PDB file of N, CA and C in Angstrom:
ATOM      1  N   MET A   1      20.142  15.387  23.828  1.00  0.00           N
ATOM      2  CA  MET A   1      18.765  15.614  24.203  1.00  0.00           C
ATOM      3  C   MET A   1      17.978  14.323  24.079  1.00  0.00           C
ATOM      4  N   THR A   2      16.968  14.227  24.906  1.00  0.00           N
ATOM      5  CA  THR A   2      16.121  13.030  24.842  1.00  0.00           C
ATOM      6  C   THR A   2      15.302  13.053  23.558  1.00  0.00           C
ATOM      7  N   PRO A   3      14.939  11.879  23.074  1.00  0.00           N
ATOM      8  CA  PRO A   3      14.093  11.829  21.878  1.00  0.00           C
ATOM      9  C   PRO A   3      12.760  12.572  22.078  1.00  0.00           C
ATOM     10  N   GLU A   4      12.216  12.531  23.288  1.00  0.00           N
ATOM     11  CA  GLU A   4      10.958  13.217  23.571  1.00  0.00           C
ATOM     12  C   GLU A   4      11.111  14.730  23.435  1.00  0.00           C
ATOM     13  N   LEU A   5      12.207  15.265  23.951  1.00  0.00           N
ATOM     14  CA  LEU A   5      12.440  16.704  23.851  1.00  0.00           C
ATOM     15  C   LEU A   5      12.675  17.099  22.397  1.00  0.00           C
ATOM     16  N   LYS A   6      13.428  16.314  21.666  1.00  0.00           N
ATOM     17  CA  LYS A   6      13.653  16.605  20.247  1.00  0.00           C
ATOM     18  C   LYS A   6      12.333  16.630  19.491  1.00  0.00           C
ATOM     19  N   GLN A   7      11.481  15.653  19.767  1.00  0.00           N
ATOM     20  CA  GLN A   7      10.183  15.593  19.092  1.00  0.00           C
ATOM     21  C   GLN A   7       9.327  16.814  19.437  1.00  0.00           C
ATOM     22  N   ARG A   8       9.336  17.222  20.707  1.00  0.00           N
ATOM     23  CA  ARG A   8       8.572  18.398  21.121  1.00  0.00           C
ATOM     24  C   ARG A   8       9.096  19.657  20.426  1.00  0.00           C
ATOM     25  N   ILE A   9      10.406  19.793  20.324  1.00  0.00           N
ATOM     26  CA  ILE A   9      10.994  20.951  19.653  1.00  0.00           C
ATOM     27  C   ILE A   9      10.537  21.005  18.199  1.00  0.00           C
ATOM     28  N   ILE A  10      10.590  19.883  17.524  1.00  0.00           N
ATOM     29  CA  ILE A  10      10.169  19.830  16.117  1.00  0.00           C
ATOM     30  C   ILE A  10       8.698  20.199  15.986  1.00  0.00           C
ATOM     31  N   LEU A  11       7.854  19.643  16.847  1.00  0.00           N
ATOM     32  CA  LEU A  11       6.417  19.937  16.791  1.00  0.00           C
ATOM     33  C   LEU A  11       6.119  21.411  17.059  1.00  0.00           C
ATOM     34  N   VAL A  12       6.773  21.975  18.077  1.00  0.00           N
ATOM     35  CA  VAL A  12       6.547  23.391  18.406  1.00  0.00           C
ATOM     36  C   VAL A  12       7.022  24.275  17.262  1.00  0.00           C
ATOM     37  N   CYS A  13       8.181  23.974  16.720  1.00  0.00           N
ATOM     38  CA  CYS A  13       8.690  24.767  15.596  1.00  0.00           C
ATOM     39  C   CYS A  13       7.735  24.688  14.407  1.00  0.00           C
ATOM     40  N   ASN A  14       7.269  23.499  14.092  1.00  0.00           N
ATOM     41  CA  ASN A  14       6.332  23.343  12.977  1.00  0.00           C
ATOM     42  C   ASN A  14       5.049  24.138  13.204  1.00  0.00           C
ATOM     43  N   LYS A  15       4.516  24.100  14.416  1.00  0.00           N
ATOM     44  CA  LYS A  15       3.296  24.860  14.728  1.00  0.00           C
ATOM     45  C   LYS A  15       3.525  26.356  14.573  1.00  0.00           C
ATOM     46  N   LYS A  16       4.648  26.845  15.089  1.00  0.00           N
ATOM     47  CA  LYS A  16       4.961  28.280  14.994  1.00  0.00           C
ATOM     48  C   LYS A  16       5.114  28.696  13.531  1.00  0.00           C
ATOM     49  N   ILE A  17       5.823  27.894  12.761  1.00  0.00           N
ATOM     50  CA  ILE A  17       6.033  28.203  11.343  1.00  0.00           C
ATOM     51  C   ILE A  17       4.705  28.207  10.611  1.00  0.00           C
ATOM     52  N   GLU A  18       3.875  27.225  10.901  1.00  0.00           N
ATOM     53  CA  GLU A  18       2.574  27.113  10.247  1.00  0.00           C
ATOM     54  C   GLU A  18       1.665  28.303  10.586  1.00  0.00           C
ATOM     55  N   SER A  19       1.701  28.745  11.826  1.00  0.00           N
ATOM     56  CA  SER A  19       0.789  29.812  12.235  1.00  0.00           C
ATOM     57  C   SER A  19       1.332  31.219  11.973  1.00  0.00           C
ATOM     58  N   LYS A  20       2.664  31.393  11.995  1.00  0.00           N
ATOM     59  CA  LYS A  20       3.223  32.745  11.897  1.00  0.00           C
ATOM     60  C   LYS A  20       4.164  32.960  10.722  1.00  0.00           C
ATOM     61  N   GLY A  21       4.443  31.909   9.974  1.00  0.00           N
ATOM     62  CA  GLY A  21       5.296  32.070   8.806  1.00  0.00           C
ATOM     63  C   GLY A  21       6.725  31.613   9.026  1.00  0.00           C
ATOM     64  N   SER A  22       7.465  31.554   7.948  1.00  0.00           N
ATOM     65  CA  SER A  22       8.810  30.975   7.961  1.00  0.00           C
ATOM     66  C   SER A  22       9.855  31.845   8.645  1.00  0.00           C
ATOM     67  N   THR A  23       9.528  33.090   8.948  1.00  0.00           N
ATOM     68  CA  THR A  23      10.515  33.963   9.590  1.00  0.00           C
ATOM     69  C   THR A  23      10.299  34.093  11.098  1.00  0.00           C
ATOM     70  N   VAL A  24       9.353  33.339  11.660  1.00  0.00           N
ATOM     71  CA  VAL A  24       9.056  33.449  13.084  1.00  0.00           C
ATOM     72  C   VAL A  24      10.251  32.998  13.918  1.00  0.00           C
ATOM     73  N   GLY A  25      10.489  33.731  15.000  1.00  0.00           N
ATOM     74  CA  GLY A  25      11.564  33.395  15.922  1.00  0.00           C
ATOM     75  C   GLY A  25      11.009  32.874  17.228  1.00  0.00           C
ATOM     76  N   LEU A  26      11.855  32.183  17.975  1.00  0.00           N
ATOM     77  CA  LEU A  26      11.461  31.702  19.286  1.00  0.00           C
ATOM     78  C   LEU A  26      12.694  31.494  20.147  1.00  0.00           C
ATOM     79  N   SER A  27      12.463  31.311  21.435  1.00  0.00           N
ATOM     80  CA  SER A  27      13.544  30.980  22.361  1.00  0.00           C
ATOM     81  C   SER A  27      13.316  29.568  22.863  1.00  0.00           C
ATOM     82  N   PHE A  28      14.274  29.026  23.601  1.00  0.00           N
ATOM     83  CA  PHE A  28      14.111  27.651  24.070  1.00  0.00           C
ATOM     84  C   PHE A  28      12.992  27.527  25.083  1.00  0.00           C
ATOM     85  N   TYR A  29      12.561  28.637  25.653  1.00  0.00           N
ATOM     86  CA  TYR A  29      11.429  28.610  26.583  1.00  0.00           C
ATOM     87  C   TYR A  29      10.129  28.223  25.872  1.00  0.00           C
ATOM     88  N   ALA A  30      10.057  28.361  24.568  1.00  0.00           N
ATOM     89  CA  ALA A  30       8.846  28.044  23.817  1.00  0.00           C
ATOM     90  C   ALA A  30       8.485  26.566  23.902  1.00  0.00           C
ATOM     91  N   PHE A  31       9.419  25.730  24.296  1.00  0.00           N
ATOM     92  CA  PHE A  31       9.189  24.298  24.316  1.00  0.00           C
ATOM     93  C   PHE A  31       8.664  23.793  25.659  1.00  0.00           C
ATOM     94  N   PHE A  32       8.407  24.733  26.572  1.00  0.00           N
ATOM     95  CA  PHE A  32       7.982  24.377  27.919  1.00  0.00           C
ATOM     96  C   PHE A  32       6.756  25.169  28.336  1.00  0.00           C
ATOM     97  N   LYS A  33       5.991  24.595  29.260  1.00  0.00           N
ATOM     98  CA  LYS A  33       4.859  25.296  29.851  1.00  0.00           C
ATOM     99  C   LYS A  33       5.404  26.406  30.741  1.00  0.00           C
ATOM    100  N   ASN A  34       4.548  27.353  31.086  1.00  0.00           N
ATOM    101  CA  ASN A  34       4.978  28.433  31.972  1.00  0.00           C
ATOM    102  C   ASN A  34       5.405  27.911  33.336  1.00  0.00           C
ATOM    103  N   LYS A  35       4.836  26.794  33.749  1.00  0.00           N
ATOM    104  CA  LYS A  35       5.220  26.186  35.011  1.00  0.00           C
ATOM    105  C   LYS A  35       6.469  25.325  34.796  1.00  0.00           C
ATOM    106  N   ASN A  36       7.467  25.533  35.604  1.00  0.00           N
ATOM    107  CA  ASN A  36       8.721  24.791  35.480  1.00  0.00           C
ATOM    108  C   ASN A  36       8.581  23.455  36.213  1.00  0.00           C
ATOM    109  N   ASP A  37       7.932  22.487  35.560  1.00  0.00           N
ATOM    110  CA  ASP A  37       7.691  21.207  36.206  1.00  0.00           C
ATOM    111  C   ASP A  37       8.765  20.167  35.907  1.00  0.00           C
ATOM    112  N   ASP A  38       9.722  20.492  35.058  1.00  0.00           N
ATOM    113  CA  ASP A  38      10.818  19.568  34.762  1.00  0.00           C
ATOM    114  C   ASP A  38      12.110  20.362  34.567  1.00  0.00           C
ATOM    115  N   PRO A  39      12.715  20.818  35.679  1.00  0.00           N
ATOM    116  CA  PRO A  39      13.914  21.655  35.567  1.00  0.00           C
ATOM    117  C   PRO A  39      15.079  20.970  34.869  1.00  0.00           C
ATOM    118  N   GLN A  40      15.192  19.660  35.006  1.00  0.00           N
ATOM    119  CA  GLN A  40      16.294  18.949  34.351  1.00  0.00           C
ATOM    120  C   GLN A  40      16.156  19.023  32.827  1.00  0.00           C
ATOM    121  N   GLU A  41      14.945  18.857  32.330  1.00  0.00           N
ATOM    122  CA  GLU A  41      14.729  18.931  30.888  1.00  0.00           C
ATOM    123  C   GLU A  41      14.926  20.363  30.383  1.00  0.00           C
ATOM    124  N   LEU A  42      14.498  21.335  31.167  1.00  0.00           N
ATOM    125  CA  LEU A  42      14.719  22.737  30.809  1.00  0.00           C
ATOM    126  C   LEU A  42      16.215  23.028  30.694  1.00  0.00           C
ATOM    127  N   MET A  43      16.993  22.524  31.636  1.00  0.00           N
ATOM    128  CA  MET A  43      18.443  22.736  31.590  1.00  0.00           C
ATOM    129  C   MET A  43      19.074  22.004  30.405  1.00  0.00           C
ATOM    130  N   GLU A  44      18.511  20.866  30.055  1.00  0.00           N
ATOM    131  CA  GLU A  44      19.001  20.127  28.889  1.00  0.00           C
ATOM    132  C   GLU A  44      18.822  20.960  27.620  1.00  0.00           C
ATOM    133  N   ALA A  45      17.652  21.564  27.476  1.00  0.00           N
ATOM    134  CA  ALA A  45      17.392  22.419  26.314  1.00  0.00           C
ATOM    135  C   ALA A  45      18.269  23.665  26.352  1.00  0.00           C
ATOM    136  N   ALA A  46      18.405  24.266  27.521  1.00  0.00           N
ATOM    137  CA  ALA A  46      19.229  25.468  27.662  1.00  0.00           C
ATOM    138  C   ALA A  46      20.691  25.176  27.335  1.00  0.00           C
ATOM    139  N   THR A  47      21.183  24.051  27.788  1.00  0.00           N
ATOM    140  CA  THR A  47      22.568  23.673  27.512  1.00  0.00           C
ATOM    141  C   THR A  47      22.782  23.480  26.013  1.00  0.00           C
ATOM    142  N   TRP A  48      21.856  22.781  25.371  1.00  0.00           N
ATOM    143  CA  TRP A  48      21.944  22.573  23.917  1.00  0.00           C
ATOM    144  C   TRP A  48      21.937  23.907  23.194  1.00  0.00           C
ATOM    145  N   TRP A  49      21.053  24.801  23.609  1.00  0.00           N
ATOM    146  CA  TRP A  49      20.854  26.093  22.950  1.00  0.00           C
ATOM    147  C   TRP A  49      22.018  27.043  23.210  1.00  0.00           C
ATOM    148  N   ILE A  50      22.395  27.178  24.484  1.00  0.00           N
ATOM    149  CA  ILE A  50      23.359  28.213  24.887  1.00  0.00           C
ATOM    150  C   ILE A  50      24.798  27.729  24.827  1.00  0.00           C
ATOM    151  N   GLU A  51      25.084  26.623  25.471  1.00  0.00           N
ATOM    152  CA  GLU A  51      26.470  26.170  25.557  1.00  0.00           C
ATOM    153  C   GLU A  51      26.929  25.418  24.302  1.00  0.00           C
ATOM    154  N   THR A  52      26.110  24.499  23.823  1.00  0.00           N
ATOM    155  CA  THR A  52      26.529  23.666  22.698  1.00  0.00           C
ATOM    156  C   THR A  52      26.569  24.453  21.395  1.00  0.00           C
ATOM    157  N   HIS A  53      25.500  25.221  21.137  1.00  0.00           N
ATOM    158  CA  HIS A  53      25.390  25.895  19.838  1.00  0.00           C
ATOM    159  C   HIS A  53      25.574  27.408  19.896  1.00  0.00           C
ATOM    160  N   ARG A  54      25.674  27.955  21.091  1.00  0.00           N
ATOM    161  CA  ARG A  54      25.899  29.401  21.276  1.00  0.00           C
ATOM    162  C   ARG A  54      24.926  30.246  20.453  1.00  0.00           C
ATOM    163  N   LEU A  55      23.648  29.880  20.562  1.00  0.00           N
ATOM    164  CA  LEU A  55      22.608  30.584  19.820  1.00  0.00           C
ATOM    165  C   LEU A  55      22.178  31.849  20.554  1.00  0.00           C
ATOM    166  N   ASP A  56      21.645  32.798  19.798  1.00  0.00           N
ATOM    167  CA  ASP A  56      21.082  33.998  20.393  1.00  0.00           C
ATOM    168  C   ASP A  56      19.816  33.637  21.150  1.00  0.00           C
ATOM    169  N   HIS A  57      19.316  34.583  21.961  1.00  0.00           N
ATOM    170  CA  HIS A  57      18.105  34.311  22.744  1.00  0.00           C
ATOM    171  C   HIS A  57      16.947  33.921  21.830  1.00  0.00           C
ATOM    172  N   PHE A  58      16.748  34.666  20.752  1.00  0.00           N
ATOM    173  CA  PHE A  58      15.712  34.328  19.777  1.00  0.00           C
ATOM    174  C   PHE A  58      16.378  33.877  18.488  1.00  0.00           C
ATOM    175  N   GLU A  59      15.868  32.772  17.951  1.00  0.00           N
ATOM    176  CA  GLU A  59      16.347  32.236  16.685  1.00  0.00           C
ATOM    177  C   GLU A  59      15.152  31.866  15.823  1.00  0.00           C
ATOM    178  N   LYS A  60      15.371  31.760  14.546  1.00  0.00           N
ATOM    179  CA  LYS A  60      14.307  31.367  13.624  1.00  0.00           C
ATOM    180  C   LYS A  60      13.889  29.924  13.913  1.00  0.00           C
ATOM    181  N   ALA A  61      12.589  29.700  13.948  1.00  0.00           N
ATOM    182  CA  ALA A  61      12.056  28.362  14.218  1.00  0.00           C
ATOM    183  C   ALA A  61      12.535  27.365  13.166  1.00  0.00           C
ATOM    184  N   MET A  62      12.607  27.799  11.929  1.00  0.00           N
ATOM    185  CA  MET A  62      13.073  26.900  10.862  1.00  0.00           C
ATOM    186  C   MET A  62      14.515  26.451  11.115  1.00  0.00           C
ATOM    187  N   LYS A  63      15.356  27.358  11.572  1.00  0.00           N
ATOM    188  CA  LYS A  63      16.752  27.032  11.852  1.00  0.00           C
ATOM    189  C   LYS A  63      16.841  25.994  12.968  1.00  0.00           C
ATOM    190  N   ILE A  64      16.091  26.215  14.043  1.00  0.00           N
ATOM    191  CA  ILE A  64      16.124  25.293  15.177  1.00  0.00           C
ATOM    192  C   ILE A  64      15.605  23.923  14.766  1.00  0.00           C
ATOM    193  N   ARG A  65      14.474  23.904  14.078  1.00  0.00           N
ATOM    194  CA  ARG A  65      13.896  22.637  13.624  1.00  0.00           C
ATOM    195  C   ARG A  65      14.901  21.878  12.760  1.00  0.00           C
ATOM    196  N   ASP A  66      15.524  22.569  11.823  1.00  0.00           N
ATOM    197  CA  ASP A  66      16.477  21.920  10.918  1.00  0.00           C
ATOM    198  C   ASP A  66      17.713  21.406  11.667  1.00  0.00           C
ATOM    199  N   MET A  67      18.153  22.148  12.675  1.00  0.00           N
ATOM    200  CA  MET A  67      19.297  21.695  13.477  1.00  0.00           C
ATOM    201  C   MET A  67      18.952  20.407  14.226  1.00  0.00           C
ATOM    202  N   VAL A  68      17.777  20.371  14.833  1.00  0.00           N
ATOM    203  CA  VAL A  68      17.375  19.194  15.587  1.00  0.00           C
ATOM    204  C   VAL A  68      17.182  18.005  14.636  1.00  0.00           C
ATOM    205  N   LEU A  69      16.574  18.240  13.512  1.00  0.00           N
ATOM    206  CA  LEU A  69      16.396  17.159  12.536  1.00  0.00           C
ATOM    207  C   LEU A  69      17.735  16.624  12.044  1.00  0.00           C
ATOM    208  N   ALA A  70      18.695  17.503  11.828  1.00  0.00           N
ATOM    209  CA  ALA A  70      20.016  17.088  11.349  1.00  0.00           C
ATOM    210  C   ALA A  70      20.728  16.240  12.403  1.00  0.00           C
ATOM    211  N   GLU A  71      20.535  16.549  13.669  1.00  0.00           N
ATOM    212  CA  GLU A  71      21.160  15.782  14.741  1.00  0.00           C
ATOM    213  C   GLU A  71      20.481  14.443  14.940  1.00  0.00           C
ATOM    214  N   ALA A  72      19.238  14.326  14.530  1.00  0.00           N
ATOM    215  CA  ALA A  72      18.474  13.088  14.727  1.00  0.00           C
ATOM    216  C   ALA A  72      18.888  11.998  13.758  1.00  0.00           C
ATOM    217  N   THR A  73      19.563  12.397  12.682  1.00  0.00           N
ATOM    218  CA  THR A  73      19.917  11.389  11.673  1.00  0.00           C
ATOM    219  C   THR A  73      21.298  10.831  11.911  1.00  0.00           C
TER     220      THR A  73
END
């Protein structure tokens, strides 16, 4: 994933956790606007989520954030 997408995922997860608590779930669609203005980036996130990690449609925001942070190091 691009560094920009990783940063957006971390920011969105942090916002969701802050506003809804540590058990909040989300899907990879949460990282994008309703308008599909960057299909390549959407597919990049979908591939990471579905093919690489075989995650369920909804996952805990904390889990996703921690996975992305672990890959960044």
